[in-house]
ModelCIF file with pLDDT and N, C-alpha, C, O atoms, coordinates in Angstrom:
data_MODEL
#
_entry.id   MODEL 
#
_entity.id                         1 
_entity.type                       polymer 
_entity.pdbx_number_of_molecules   1 
#
_entity_poly.entity_id                      1 
_entity_poly.type                           'polypeptide(L)' 
_entity_poly.nstd_linkage                   no 
_entity_poly.nstd_monomer                   no 
_entity_poly.pdbx_seq_one_letter_code       AAVSGTKAMGFRGFNLTIPHKVEVIQHLDRLSEAAEKMGAVN 
_entity_poly.pdbx_seq_one_letter_code_can   AAVSGTKAMGFRGFNLTIPHKVEVIQHLDRLSEAAEKMGAVN 
_entity_poly.pdbx_strand_id                 A 
#
loop_
_entity_poly_seq.entity_id 
_entity_poly_seq.num 
_entity_poly_seq.mon_id 
_entity_poly_seq.hetero 
1 1  ALA n 
1 2  ALA n 
1 3  VAL n 
1 4  SER n 
1 5  GLY n 
1 6  THR n 
1 7  LYS n 
1 8  ALA n 
1 9  MET n 
1 10 GLY n 
1 11 PHE n 
1 12 ARG n 
1 13 GLY n 
1 14 PHE n 
1 15 ASN n 
1 16 LEU n 
1 17 THR n 
1 18 ILE n 
1 19 PRO n 
1 20 HIS n 
1 21 LYS n 
1 22 VAL n 
1 23 GLU n 
1 24 VAL n 
1 25 ILE n 
1 26 GLN n 
1 27 HIS n 
1 28 LEU n 
1 29 ASP n 
1 30 ARG n 
1 31 LEU n 
1 32 SER n 
1 33 GLU n 
1 34 ALA n 
1 35 ALA n 
1 36 GLU n 
1 37 LYS n 
1 38 MET n 
1 39 GLY n 
1 40 ALA n 
1 41 VAL n 
1 42 ASN n 
#
_struct_asym.id          A 
_struct_asym.entity_id   1 
#
loop_
_ma_qa_metric.id 
_ma_qa_metric.mode 
_ma_qa_metric.name 
_ma_qa_metric.software_group_id 
_ma_qa_metric.type 
1 global pLDDT . pLDDT 
2 local  pLDDT . pLDDT 
#
_ma_qa_metric_global.metric_id      1 
_ma_qa_metric_global.metric_value   92.90 
_ma_qa_metric_global.model_id       1 
_ma_qa_metric_global.ordinal_id     1 
#
loop_
_ma_qa_metric_local.label_asym_id 
_ma_qa_metric_local.label_comp_id 
_ma_qa_metric_local.label_seq_id 
_ma_qa_metric_local.metric_id 
_ma_qa_metric_local.metric_value 
_ma_qa_metric_local.model_id 
_ma_qa_metric_local.ordinal_id 
A ALA 1  2 97.00 1 1  
A ALA 2  2 96.00 1 2  
A VAL 3  2 97.00 1 3  
A SER 4  2 96.00 1 4  
A GLY 5  2 95.00 1 5  
A THR 6  2 94.00 1 6  
A LYS 7  2 93.00 1 7  
A ALA 8  2 93.00 1 8  
A MET 9  2 92.00 1 9  
A GLY 10 2 92.00 1 10 
A PHE 11 2 95.00 1 11 
A ARG 12 2 96.00 1 12 
A GLY 13 2 96.00 1 13 
A PHE 14 2 96.00 1 14 
A ASN 15 2 95.00 1 15 
A LEU 16 2 92.00 1 16 
A THR 17 2 88.00 1 17 
A ILE 18 2 81.00 1 18 
A PRO 19 2 87.00 1 19 
A HIS 20 2 91.00 1 20 
A LYS 21 2 90.00 1 21 
A VAL 22 2 88.00 1 22 
A GLU 23 2 93.00 1 23 
A VAL 24 2 95.00 1 24 
A ILE 25 2 95.00 1 25 
A GLN 26 2 96.00 1 26 
A HIS 27 2 97.00 1 27 
A LEU 28 2 97.00 1 28 
A ASP 29 2 97.00 1 29 
A ARG 30 2 96.00 1 30 
A LEU 31 2 96.00 1 31 
A SER 32 2 93.00 1 32 
A GLU 33 2 89.00 1 33 
A ALA 34 2 89.00 1 34 
A ALA 35 2 92.00 1 35 
A GLU 36 2 93.00 1 36 
A LYS 37 2 91.00 1 37 
A MET 38 2 89.00 1 38 
A GLY 39 2 89.00 1 39 
A ALA 40 2 89.00 1 40 
A VAL 41 2 93.00 1 41 
A ASN 42 2 93.00 1 42 
#
loop_
_atom_site.group_PDB 
_atom_site.id 
_atom_site.type_symbol 
_atom_site.label_atom_id 
_atom_site.label_alt_id 
_atom_site.label_comp_id 
_atom_site.label_asym_id 
_atom_site.label_entity_id 
_atom_site.label_seq_id 
_atom_site.pdbx_PDB_ins_code 
_atom_site.Cartn_x 
_atom_site.Cartn_y 
_atom_site.Cartn_z 
_atom_site.occupancy 
_atom_site.B_iso_or_equiv 
_atom_site.pdbx_formal_charge 
_atom_site.auth_seq_id 
_atom_site.auth_comp_id 
_atom_site.auth_asym_id 
_atom_site.auth_atom_id 
_atom_site.pdbx_PDB_model_num 
ATOM 1   N N  . ALA A 1 1  ? 58.535 -45.393 58.033 1.00 97.00 ? 1  ALA A N  1 
ATOM 2   C CA . ALA A 1 1  ? 59.355 -45.067 59.198 1.00 97.00 ? 1  ALA A CA 1 
ATOM 3   C C  . ALA A 1 1  ? 58.513 -44.473 60.313 1.00 97.00 ? 1  ALA A C  1 
ATOM 4   O O  . ALA A 1 1  ? 58.738 -44.763 61.487 1.00 97.00 ? 1  ALA A O  1 
ATOM 5   N N  . ALA A 1 2  ? 57.538 -43.639 59.949 1.00 96.00 ? 2  ALA A N  1 
ATOM 6   C CA . ALA A 1 2  ? 56.684 -43.017 60.958 1.00 96.00 ? 2  ALA A CA 1 
ATOM 7   C C  . ALA A 1 2  ? 55.851 -44.064 61.692 1.00 96.00 ? 2  ALA A C  1 
ATOM 8   O O  . ALA A 1 2  ? 55.730 -44.006 62.915 1.00 96.00 ? 2  ALA A O  1 
ATOM 9   N N  . VAL A 1 3  ? 55.278 -45.016 60.964 1.00 97.00 ? 3  VAL A N  1 
ATOM 10  C CA . VAL A 1 3  ? 54.472 -46.067 61.588 1.00 97.00 ? 3  VAL A CA 1 
ATOM 11  C C  . VAL A 1 3  ? 55.345 -46.908 62.519 1.00 97.00 ? 3  VAL A C  1 
ATOM 12  O O  . VAL A 1 3  ? 54.942 -47.218 63.640 1.00 97.00 ? 3  VAL A O  1 
ATOM 13  N N  . SER A 1 4  ? 56.535 -47.274 62.058 1.00 96.00 ? 4  SER A N  1 
ATOM 14  C CA . SER A 1 4  ? 57.456 -48.028 62.908 1.00 96.00 ? 4  SER A CA 1 
ATOM 15  C C  . SER A 1 4  ? 57.831 -47.226 64.148 1.00 96.00 ? 4  SER A C  1 
ATOM 16  O O  . SER A 1 4  ? 57.973 -47.780 65.238 1.00 96.00 ? 4  SER A O  1 
ATOM 17  N N  . GLY A 1 5  ? 57.989 -45.918 63.970 1.00 95.00 ? 5  GLY A N  1 
ATOM 18  C CA . GLY A 1 5  ? 58.347 -45.051 65.084 1.00 95.00 ? 5  GLY A CA 1 
ATOM 19  C C  . GLY A 1 5  ? 57.284 -44.974 66.157 1.00 95.00 ? 5  GLY A C  1 
ATOM 20  O O  . GLY A 1 5  ? 57.602 -44.762 67.327 1.00 95.00 ? 5  GLY A O  1 
ATOM 21  N N  . THR A 1 6  ? 56.017 -45.144 65.778 1.00 94.00 ? 6  THR A N  1 
ATOM 22  C CA . THR A 1 6  ? 54.960 -45.111 66.792 1.00 94.00 ? 6  THR A CA 1 
ATOM 23  C C  . THR A 1 6  ? 55.108 -46.252 67.782 1.00 94.00 ? 6  THR A C  1 
ATOM 24  O O  . THR A 1 6  ? 54.791 -46.095 68.961 1.00 94.00 ? 6  THR A O  1 
ATOM 25  N N  . LYS A 1 7  ? 55.588 -47.402 67.315 1.00 93.00 ? 7  LYS A N  1 
ATOM 26  C CA . LYS A 1 7  ? 55.851 -48.523 68.224 1.00 93.00 ? 7  LYS A CA 1 
ATOM 27  C C  . LYS A 1 7  ? 57.033 -48.202 69.124 1.00 93.00 ? 7  LYS A C  1 
ATOM 28  O O  . LYS A 1 7  ? 56.984 -48.408 70.337 1.00 93.00 ? 7  LYS A O  1 
ATOM 29  N N  . ALA A 1 8  ? 58.094 -47.694 68.511 1.00 93.00 ? 8  ALA A N  1 
ATOM 30  C CA . ALA A 1 8  ? 59.315 -47.411 69.275 1.00 93.00 ? 8  ALA A CA 1 
ATOM 31  C C  . ALA A 1 8  ? 59.068 -46.389 70.367 1.00 93.00 ? 8  ALA A C  1 
ATOM 32  O O  . ALA A 1 8  ? 59.680 -46.453 71.434 1.00 93.00 ? 8  ALA A O  1 
ATOM 33  N N  . MET A 1 9  ? 58.167 -45.439 70.105 1.00 92.00 ? 9  MET A N  1 
ATOM 34  C CA . MET A 1 9  ? 57.912 -44.364 71.068 1.00 92.00 ? 9  MET A CA 1 
ATOM 35  C C  . MET A 1 9  ? 56.708 -44.630 71.967 1.00 92.00 ? 9  MET A C  1 
ATOM 36  O O  . MET A 1 9  ? 56.314 -43.768 72.753 1.00 92.00 ? 9  MET A O  1 
ATOM 37  N N  . GLY A 1 10 ? 56.129 -45.813 71.851 1.00 92.00 ? 10 GLY A N  1 
ATOM 38  C CA . GLY A 1 10 ? 55.071 -46.198 72.780 1.00 92.00 ? 10 GLY A CA 1 
ATOM 39  C C  . GLY A 1 10 ? 53.733 -45.542 72.543 1.00 92.00 ? 10 GLY A C  1 
ATOM 40  O O  . GLY A 1 10 ? 52.937 -45.423 73.475 1.00 92.00 ? 10 GLY A O  1 
ATOM 41  N N  . PHE A 1 11 ? 53.452 -45.104 71.303 1.00 95.00 ? 11 PHE A N  1 
ATOM 42  C CA . PHE A 1 11 ? 52.136 -44.526 71.013 1.00 95.00 ? 11 PHE A CA 1 
ATOM 43  C C  . PHE A 1 11 ? 51.062 -45.581 71.244 1.00 95.00 ? 11 PHE A C  1 
ATOM 44  O O  . PHE A 1 11 ? 51.256 -46.752 70.917 1.00 95.00 ? 11 PHE A O  1 
ATOM 45  N N  . ARG A 1 12 ? 49.927 -45.166 71.809 1.00 96.00 ? 12 ARG A N  1 
ATOM 46  C CA . ARG A 1 12 ? 48.794 -46.073 71.977 1.00 96.00 ? 12 ARG A CA 1 
ATOM 47  C C  . ARG A 1 12 ? 47.966 -46.181 70.705 1.00 96.00 ? 12 ARG A C  1 
ATOM 48  O O  . ARG A 1 12 ? 47.151 -47.093 70.562 1.00 96.00 ? 12 ARG A O  1 
ATOM 49  N N  . GLY A 1 13 ? 48.175 -45.253 69.786 1.00 96.00 ? 13 GLY A N  1 
ATOM 50  C CA . GLY A 1 13 ? 47.456 -45.286 68.525 1.00 96.00 ? 13 GLY A CA 1 
ATOM 51  C C  . GLY A 1 13 ? 47.593 -43.963 67.814 1.00 96.00 ? 13 GLY A C  1 
ATOM 52  O O  . GLY A 1 13 ? 48.255 -43.045 68.297 1.00 96.00 ? 13 GLY A O  1 
ATOM 53  N N  . PHE A 1 14 ? 46.957 -43.875 66.659 1.00 96.00 ? 14 PHE A N  1 
ATOM 54  C CA . PHE A 1 14 ? 47.002 -42.627 65.899 1.00 96.00 ? 14 PHE A CA 1 
ATOM 55  C C  . PHE A 1 14 ? 45.919 -42.608 64.833 1.00 96.00 ? 14 PHE A C  1 
ATOM 56  O O  . PHE A 1 14 ? 45.401 -43.647 64.424 1.00 96.00 ? 14 PHE A O  1 
ATOM 57  N N  . ASN A 1 15 ? 45.595 -41.407 64.396 1.00 95.00 ? 15 ASN A N  1 
ATOM 58  C CA . ASN A 1 15 ? 44.699 -41.211 63.256 1.00 95.00 ? 15 ASN A CA 1 
ATOM 59  C C  . ASN A 1 15 ? 45.522 -40.896 62.021 1.00 95.00 ? 15 ASN A C  1 
ATOM 60  O O  . ASN A 1 15 ? 46.665 -40.447 62.109 1.00 95.00 ? 15 ASN A O  1 
ATOM 61  N N  . LEU A 1 16 ? 44.909 -41.143 60.854 1.00 92.00 ? 16 LEU A N  1 
ATOM 62  C CA . LEU A 1 16 ? 45.525 -40.787 59.593 1.00 92.00 ? 16 LEU A CA 1 
ATOM 63  C C  . LEU A 1 16 ? 44.525 -40.054 58.728 1.00 92.00 ? 16 LEU A C  1 
ATOM 64  O O  . LEU A 1 16 ? 43.314 -40.228 58.861 1.00 92.00 ? 16 LEU A O  1 
ATOM 65  N N  . THR A 1 17 ? 45.050 -39.234 57.844 1.00 88.00 ? 17 THR A N  1 
ATOM 66  C CA . THR A 1 17 ? 44.183 -38.590 56.874 1.00 88.00 ? 17 THR A CA 1 
ATOM 67  C C  . THR A 1 17 ? 44.810 -38.755 55.493 1.00 88.00 ? 17 THR A C  1 
ATOM 68  O O  . THR A 1 17 ? 45.867 -39.370 55.352 1.00 88.00 ? 17 THR A O  1 
ATOM 69  N N  . ILE A 1 18 ? 44.155 -38.207 54.482 1.00 81.00 ? 18 ILE A N  1 
ATOM 70  C CA . ILE A 1 18 ? 44.683 -38.261 53.129 1.00 81.00 ? 18 ILE A CA 1 
ATOM 71  C C  . ILE A 1 18 ? 46.078 -37.650 53.122 1.00 81.00 ? 18 ILE A C  1 
ATOM 72  O O  . ILE A 1 18 ? 46.242 -36.591 53.727 1.00 81.00 ? 18 ILE A O  1 
ATOM 73  N N  . PRO A 1 19 ? 47.109 -38.233 52.482 1.00 87.00 ? 19 PRO A N  1 
ATOM 74  C CA . PRO A 1 19 ? 47.036 -39.336 51.507 1.00 87.00 ? 19 PRO A CA 1 
ATOM 75  C C  . PRO A 1 19 ? 47.441 -40.694 52.072 1.00 87.00 ? 19 PRO A C  1 
ATOM 76  O O  . PRO A 1 19 ? 47.848 -41.569 51.308 1.00 87.00 ? 19 PRO A O  1 
ATOM 77  N N  . HIS A 1 20 ? 47.343 -40.899 53.382 1.00 91.00 ? 20 HIS A N  1 
ATOM 78  C CA . HIS A 1 20 ? 47.913 -42.101 54.004 1.00 91.00 ? 20 HIS A CA 1 
ATOM 79  C C  . HIS A 1 20 ? 46.902 -43.213 54.278 1.00 91.00 ? 20 HIS A C  1 
ATOM 80  O O  . HIS A 1 20 ? 47.303 -44.299 54.696 1.00 91.00 ? 20 HIS A O  1 
ATOM 81  N N  . LYS A 1 21 ? 45.618 -42.985 54.058 1.00 90.00 ? 21 LYS A N  1 
ATOM 82  C CA . LYS A 1 21 ? 44.599 -43.926 54.530 1.00 90.00 ? 21 LYS A CA 1 
ATOM 83  C C  . LYS A 1 21 ? 44.689 -45.308 53.877 1.00 90.00 ? 21 LYS A C  1 
ATOM 84  O O  . LYS A 1 21 ? 44.341 -46.311 54.501 1.00 90.00 ? 21 LYS A O  1 
ATOM 85  N N  . VAL A 1 22 ? 45.148 -45.364 52.639 1.00 88.00 ? 22 VAL A N  1 
ATOM 86  C CA . VAL A 1 22 ? 45.270 -46.650 51.944 1.00 88.00 ? 22 VAL A CA 1 
ATOM 87  C C  . VAL A 1 22 ? 46.683 -47.202 52.076 1.00 88.00 ? 22 VAL A C  1 
ATOM 88  O O  . VAL A 1 22 ? 46.867 -48.384 52.367 1.00 88.00 ? 22 VAL A O  1 
ATOM 89  N N  . GLU A 1 23 ? 47.670 -46.355 51.863 1.00 93.00 ? 23 GLU A N  1 
ATOM 90  C CA . GLU A 1 23 ? 49.064 -46.812 51.880 1.00 93.00 ? 23 GLU A CA 1 
ATOM 91  C C  . GLU A 1 23 ? 49.486 -47.373 53.239 1.00 93.00 ? 23 GLU A C  1 
ATOM 92  O O  . GLU A 1 23 ? 50.363 -48.234 53.306 1.00 93.00 ? 23 GLU A O  1 
ATOM 93  N N  . VAL A 1 24 ? 48.872 -46.894 54.317 1.00 95.00 ? 24 VAL A N  1 
ATOM 94  C CA . VAL A 1 24 ? 49.290 -47.360 55.648 1.00 95.00 ? 24 VAL A CA 1 
ATOM 95  C C  . VAL A 1 24 ? 48.995 -48.839 55.860 1.00 95.00 ? 24 VAL A C  1 
ATOM 96  O O  . VAL A 1 24 ? 49.630 -49.480 56.698 1.00 95.00 ? 24 VAL A O  1 
ATOM 97  N N  . ILE A 1 25 ? 48.041 -49.390 55.114 1.00 95.00 ? 25 ILE A N  1 
ATOM 98  C CA . ILE A 1 25 ? 47.602 -50.768 55.346 1.00 95.00 ? 25 ILE A CA 1 
ATOM 99  C C  . ILE A 1 25 ? 48.759 -51.756 55.261 1.00 95.00 ? 25 ILE A C  1 
ATOM 100 O O  . ILE A 1 25 ? 48.816 -52.705 56.043 1.00 95.00 ? 25 ILE A O  1 
ATOM 101 N N  . GLN A 1 26 ? 49.676 -51.550 54.332 1.00 96.00 ? 26 GLN A N  1 
ATOM 102 C CA . GLN A 1 26 ? 50.796 -52.484 54.161 1.00 96.00 ? 26 GLN A CA 1 
ATOM 103 C C  . GLN A 1 26 ? 51.755 -52.480 55.347 1.00 96.00 ? 26 GLN A C  1 
ATOM 104 O O  . GLN A 1 26 ? 52.585 -53.379 55.478 1.00 96.00 ? 26 GLN A O  1 
ATOM 105 N N  . HIS A 1 27 ? 51.645 -51.474 56.209 1.00 97.00 ? 27 HIS A N  1 
ATOM 106 C CA . HIS A 1 27 ? 52.541 -51.371 57.350 1.00 97.00 ? 27 HIS A CA 1 
ATOM 107 C C  . HIS A 1 27 ? 51.885 -51.813 58.657 1.00 97.00 ? 27 HIS A C  1 
ATOM 108 O O  . HIS A 1 27 ? 52.490 -51.696 59.723 1.00 97.00 ? 27 HIS A O  1 
ATOM 109 N N  . LEU A 1 28 ? 50.649 -52.322 58.582 1.00 97.00 ? 28 LEU A N  1 
ATOM 110 C CA . LEU A 1 28 ? 49.915 -52.732 59.777 1.00 97.00 ? 28 LEU A CA 1 
ATOM 111 C C  . LEU A 1 28 ? 49.887 -54.245 59.896 1.00 97.00 ? 28 LEU A C  1 
ATOM 112 O O  . LEU A 1 28 ? 50.145 -54.959 58.926 1.00 97.00 ? 28 LEU A O  1 
ATOM 113 N N  . ASP A 1 29 ? 49.572 -54.730 61.094 1.00 97.00 ? 29 ASP A N  1 
ATOM 114 C CA . ASP A 1 29 ? 49.565 -56.174 61.340 1.00 97.00 ? 29 ASP A CA 1 
ATOM 115 C C  . ASP A 1 29 ? 48.235 -56.822 60.972 1.00 97.00 ? 29 ASP A C  1 
ATOM 116 O O  . ASP A 1 29 ? 48.207 -57.957 60.495 1.00 97.00 ? 29 ASP A O  1 
ATOM 117 N N  . ARG A 1 30 ? 47.134 -56.107 61.190 1.00 96.00 ? 30 ARG A N  1 
ATOM 118 C CA . ARG A 1 30 ? 45.825 -56.626 60.800 1.00 96.00 ? 30 ARG A CA 1 
ATOM 119 C C  . ARG A 1 30 ? 44.810 -55.501 60.743 1.00 96.00 ? 30 ARG A C  1 
ATOM 120 O O  . ARG A 1 30 ? 45.072 -54.386 61.195 1.00 96.00 ? 30 ARG A O  1 
ATOM 121 N N  . LEU A 1 31 ? 43.639 -55.807 60.178 1.00 96.00 ? 31 LEU A N  1 
ATOM 122 C CA . LEU A 1 31 ? 42.589 -54.815 59.975 1.00 96.00 ? 31 LEU A CA 1 
ATOM 123 C C  . LEU A 1 31 ? 41.290 -55.291 60.601 1.00 96.00 ? 31 LEU A C  1 
ATOM 124 O O  . LEU A 1 31 ? 41.062 -56.491 60.755 1.00 96.00 ? 31 LEU A O  1 
ATOM 125 N N  . SER A 1 32 ? 40.435 -54.329 60.963 1.00 93.00 ? 32 SER A N  1 
ATOM 126 C CA . SER A 1 32 ? 39.074 -54.660 61.369 1.00 93.00 ? 32 SER A CA 1 
ATOM 127 C C  . SER A 1 32 ? 38.286 -55.103 60.143 1.00 93.00 ? 32 SER A C  1 
ATOM 128 O O  . SER A 1 32 ? 38.729 -54.910 59.011 1.00 93.00 ? 32 SER A O  1 
ATOM 129 N N  . GLU A 1 33 ? 37.132 -55.692 60.368 1.00 89.00 ? 33 GLU A N  1 
ATOM 130 C CA . GLU A 1 33 ? 36.295 -56.142 59.256 1.00 89.00 ? 33 GLU A CA 1 
ATOM 131 C C  . GLU A 1 33 ? 35.941 -54.977 58.333 1.00 89.00 ? 33 GLU A C  1 
ATOM 132 O O  . GLU A 1 33 ? 36.052 -55.091 57.112 1.00 89.00 ? 33 GLU A O  1 
ATOM 133 N N  . ALA A 1 34 ? 35.519 -53.865 58.916 1.00 89.00 ? 34 ALA A N  1 
ATOM 134 C CA . ALA A 1 34 ? 35.097 -52.730 58.101 1.00 89.00 ? 34 ALA A CA 1 
ATOM 135 C C  . ALA A 1 34 ? 36.262 -52.135 57.323 1.00 89.00 ? 34 ALA A C  1 
ATOM 136 O O  . ALA A 1 34 ? 36.115 -51.816 56.143 1.00 89.00 ? 34 ALA A O  1 
ATOM 137 N N  . ALA A 1 35 ? 37.417 -51.982 57.964 1.00 92.00 ? 35 ALA A N  1 
ATOM 138 C CA . ALA A 1 35 ? 38.585 -51.416 57.288 1.00 92.00 ? 35 ALA A CA 1 
ATOM 139 C C  . ALA A 1 35 ? 39.015 -52.303 56.129 1.00 92.00 ? 35 ALA A C  1 
ATOM 140 O O  . ALA A 1 35 ? 39.415 -51.803 55.077 1.00 92.00 ? 35 ALA A O  1 
ATOM 141 N N  . GLU A 1 36 ? 38.935 -53.622 56.316 1.00 93.00 ? 36 GLU A N  1 
ATOM 142 C CA . GLU A 1 36 ? 39.293 -54.548 55.237 1.00 93.00 ? 36 GLU A CA 1 
ATOM 143 C C  . GLU A 1 36 ? 38.336 -54.405 54.070 1.00 93.00 ? 36 GLU A C  1 
ATOM 144 O O  . GLU A 1 36 ? 38.768 -54.404 52.917 1.00 93.00 ? 36 GLU A O  1 
ATOM 145 N N  . LYS A 1 37 ? 37.041 -54.286 54.345 1.00 91.00 ? 37 LYS A N  1 
ATOM 146 C CA . LYS A 1 37 ? 36.058 -54.201 53.279 1.00 91.00 ? 37 LYS A CA 1 
ATOM 147 C C  . LYS A 1 37 ? 36.171 -52.896 52.494 1.00 91.00 ? 37 LYS A C  1 
ATOM 148 O O  . LYS A 1 37 ? 36.014 -52.894 51.273 1.00 91.00 ? 37 LYS A O  1 
ATOM 149 N N  . MET A 1 38 ? 36.440 -51.796 53.179 1.00 89.00 ? 38 MET A N  1 
ATOM 150 C CA . MET A 1 38 ? 36.502 -50.511 52.469 1.00 89.00 ? 38 MET A CA 1 
ATOM 151 C C  . MET A 1 38 ? 37.901 -50.182 51.967 1.00 89.00 ? 38 MET A C  1 
ATOM 152 O O  . MET A 1 38 ? 38.076 -49.255 51.176 1.00 89.00 ? 38 MET A O  1 
ATOM 153 N N  . GLY A 1 39 ? 38.905 -50.942 52.424 1.00 89.00 ? 39 GLY A N  1 
ATOM 154 C CA . GLY A 1 39 ? 40.261 -50.732 51.929 1.00 89.00 ? 39 GLY A CA 1 
ATOM 155 C C  . GLY A 1 39 ? 40.860 -49.410 52.336 1.00 89.00 ? 39 GLY A C  1 
ATOM 156 O O  . GLY A 1 39 ? 41.654 -48.836 51.590 1.00 89.00 ? 39 GLY A O  1 
ATOM 157 N N  . ALA A 1 40 ? 40.496 -48.912 53.506 1.00 89.00 ? 40 ALA A N  1 
ATOM 158 C CA . ALA A 1 40 ? 41.027 -47.634 53.987 1.00 89.00 ? 40 ALA A CA 1 
ATOM 159 C C  . ALA A 1 40 ? 41.022 -47.627 55.512 1.00 89.00 ? 40 ALA A C  1 
ATOM 160 O O  . ALA A 1 40 ? 40.134 -48.194 56.149 1.00 89.00 ? 40 ALA A O  1 
ATOM 161 N N  . VAL A 1 41 ? 42.028 -46.977 56.079 1.00 93.00 ? 41 VAL A N  1 
ATOM 162 C CA . VAL A 1 41 ? 42.191 -46.897 57.534 1.00 93.00 ? 41 VAL A CA 1 
ATOM 163 C C  . VAL A 1 41 ? 42.347 -45.446 57.943 1.00 93.00 ? 41 VAL A C  1 
ATOM 164 O O  . VAL A 1 41 ? 43.123 -44.708 57.336 1.00 93.00 ? 41 VAL A O  1 
ATOM 165 N N  . ASN A 1 42 ? 41.611 -45.027 58.975 1.00 93.00 ? 42 ASN A N  1 
ATOM 166 C CA . ASN A 1 42 ? 41.812 -43.666 59.499 1.00 93.00 ? 42 ASN A CA 1 
ATOM 167 C C  . ASN A 1 42 ? 42.203 -43.688 60.978 1.00 93.00 ? 42 ASN A C  1 
ATOM 168 O O  . ASN A 1 42 ? 42.410 -42.633 61.578 1.00 93.00 ? 42 ASN A O  1 
#
């Protein structure tokens, strides 16, 4: 819900920390090469 809310509220982006760095991937549209290889997003 929080990730979806960032779109609704016009956020330009955001950072994440533990424990969301891996779980957030399923809620995103695509990943950079490095994020895909390491399996984590911050």
